[in-house]
Every structure is written in structure tokens, then in C-alpha cells.
Protein backbone atom coordinates (compact mmCIF):
# COMPACT_ATOMS: atom_id res chain seq x y z
CA MET A 1 0.02 0.09 0.03
CA ALA A 2 2.70 2.48 0.91
CA GLU A 3 4.74 1.44 -2.02
CA ALA A 4 1.80 2.29 -4.40
CA ARG A 5 1.23 5.69 -2.66
CA THR A 6 4.88 6.55 -3.09
CA LEU A 7 4.74 5.49 -6.85
CA THR A 8 1.60 7.75 -7.30
CA ASP A 9 3.41 10.62 -5.67
CA VAL A 10 6.55 10.31 -7.95
CA LYS A 11 4.32 10.00 -11.18
CA THR A 12 2.32 12.95 -10.11
CA ALA A 13 5.34 14.93 -9.56
CA LEU A 14 6.75 14.00 -12.81
CA ALA A 15 3.48 15.05 -14.61
CA GLU A 16 3.63 18.29 -12.87
CA LYS A 17 7.37 18.81 -13.86
CA TYR A 18 6.61 18.15 -17.59
CA GLU A 19 3.59 20.37 -17.55
CA HIS A 20 5.74 23.25 -16.08
CA LEU A 21 8.36 22.74 -18.72
CA ALA A 22 5.76 22.65 -21.53
CA ARG A 23 4.48 26.08 -20.26
CA LEU A 24 8.01 27.44 -20.28
CA THR A 25 9.03 26.42 -23.91
CA HIS A 26 8.24 28.35 -26.92
CA SER A 27 8.53 25.50 -29.42
CA ASP A 28 5.13 24.17 -30.37
CA THR A 29 6.63 20.71 -31.15
CA ARG A 30 8.43 20.54 -27.89
CA LYS A 31 5.36 21.79 -26.01
CA LYS A 32 3.29 19.00 -27.54
CA LYS A 33 5.84 16.37 -26.54
CA LEU A 34 5.99 17.48 -22.93
CA TYR A 35 2.35 17.83 -22.50
CA ASN A 36 1.86 14.32 -23.84
CA ARG A 37 4.59 12.91 -21.54
CA ALA A 38 2.70 14.66 -18.67
CA LEU A 39 -0.60 13.13 -19.72
CA ARG A 40 1.07 9.69 -19.91
CA TYR A 41 1.97 10.05 -16.23
CA ARG A 42 -1.56 11.38 -15.30
CA ARG A 43 -3.04 8.28 -16.91
CA GLN A 44 -0.69 5.88 -15.06
CA VAL A 45 -1.55 7.63 -11.69
CA ALA A 46 -5.27 7.22 -12.67
CA GLN A 47 -4.66 3.48 -13.45
CA LEU A 48 -2.91 2.98 -10.07
CA GLY A 49 -5.69 4.68 -8.20
CA HIS A 50 -8.29 2.63 -9.83
CA GLY A 51 -6.32 -0.71 -9.02
CA GLN A 52 -6.21 0.14 -5.41
CA LYS A 53 -9.96 0.07 -4.89
């Protein structure tokens, strides 16, 4: 249980990091890539949360 919680925290932090980087960049291509990477981590967090119930 604690391991899943830690994993969720790490993946959420990574998603926030990539969203922040996407807001800072001016390149549309890089922005899209970073937002997609953040979305991937958000989906993984949702999947982990769904598996705990």
C-alpha cells in the first residue's frame, strides 16, 4: 500500500514537472511532446488509483 502511494506521488510530481516545462518552452513541437509525456504520467496515476479500490 505504501509503495503504491509513493509511486503515485512520484508519477504526479513528474507530470507536474513536464507540464511546467511545457508552459516554459516556446517551441510548439516541444510543448506538445512535454504535454503528452505529462498526460502519460497522469494516466498511470489514474490507473494506479483505480487498481487500489
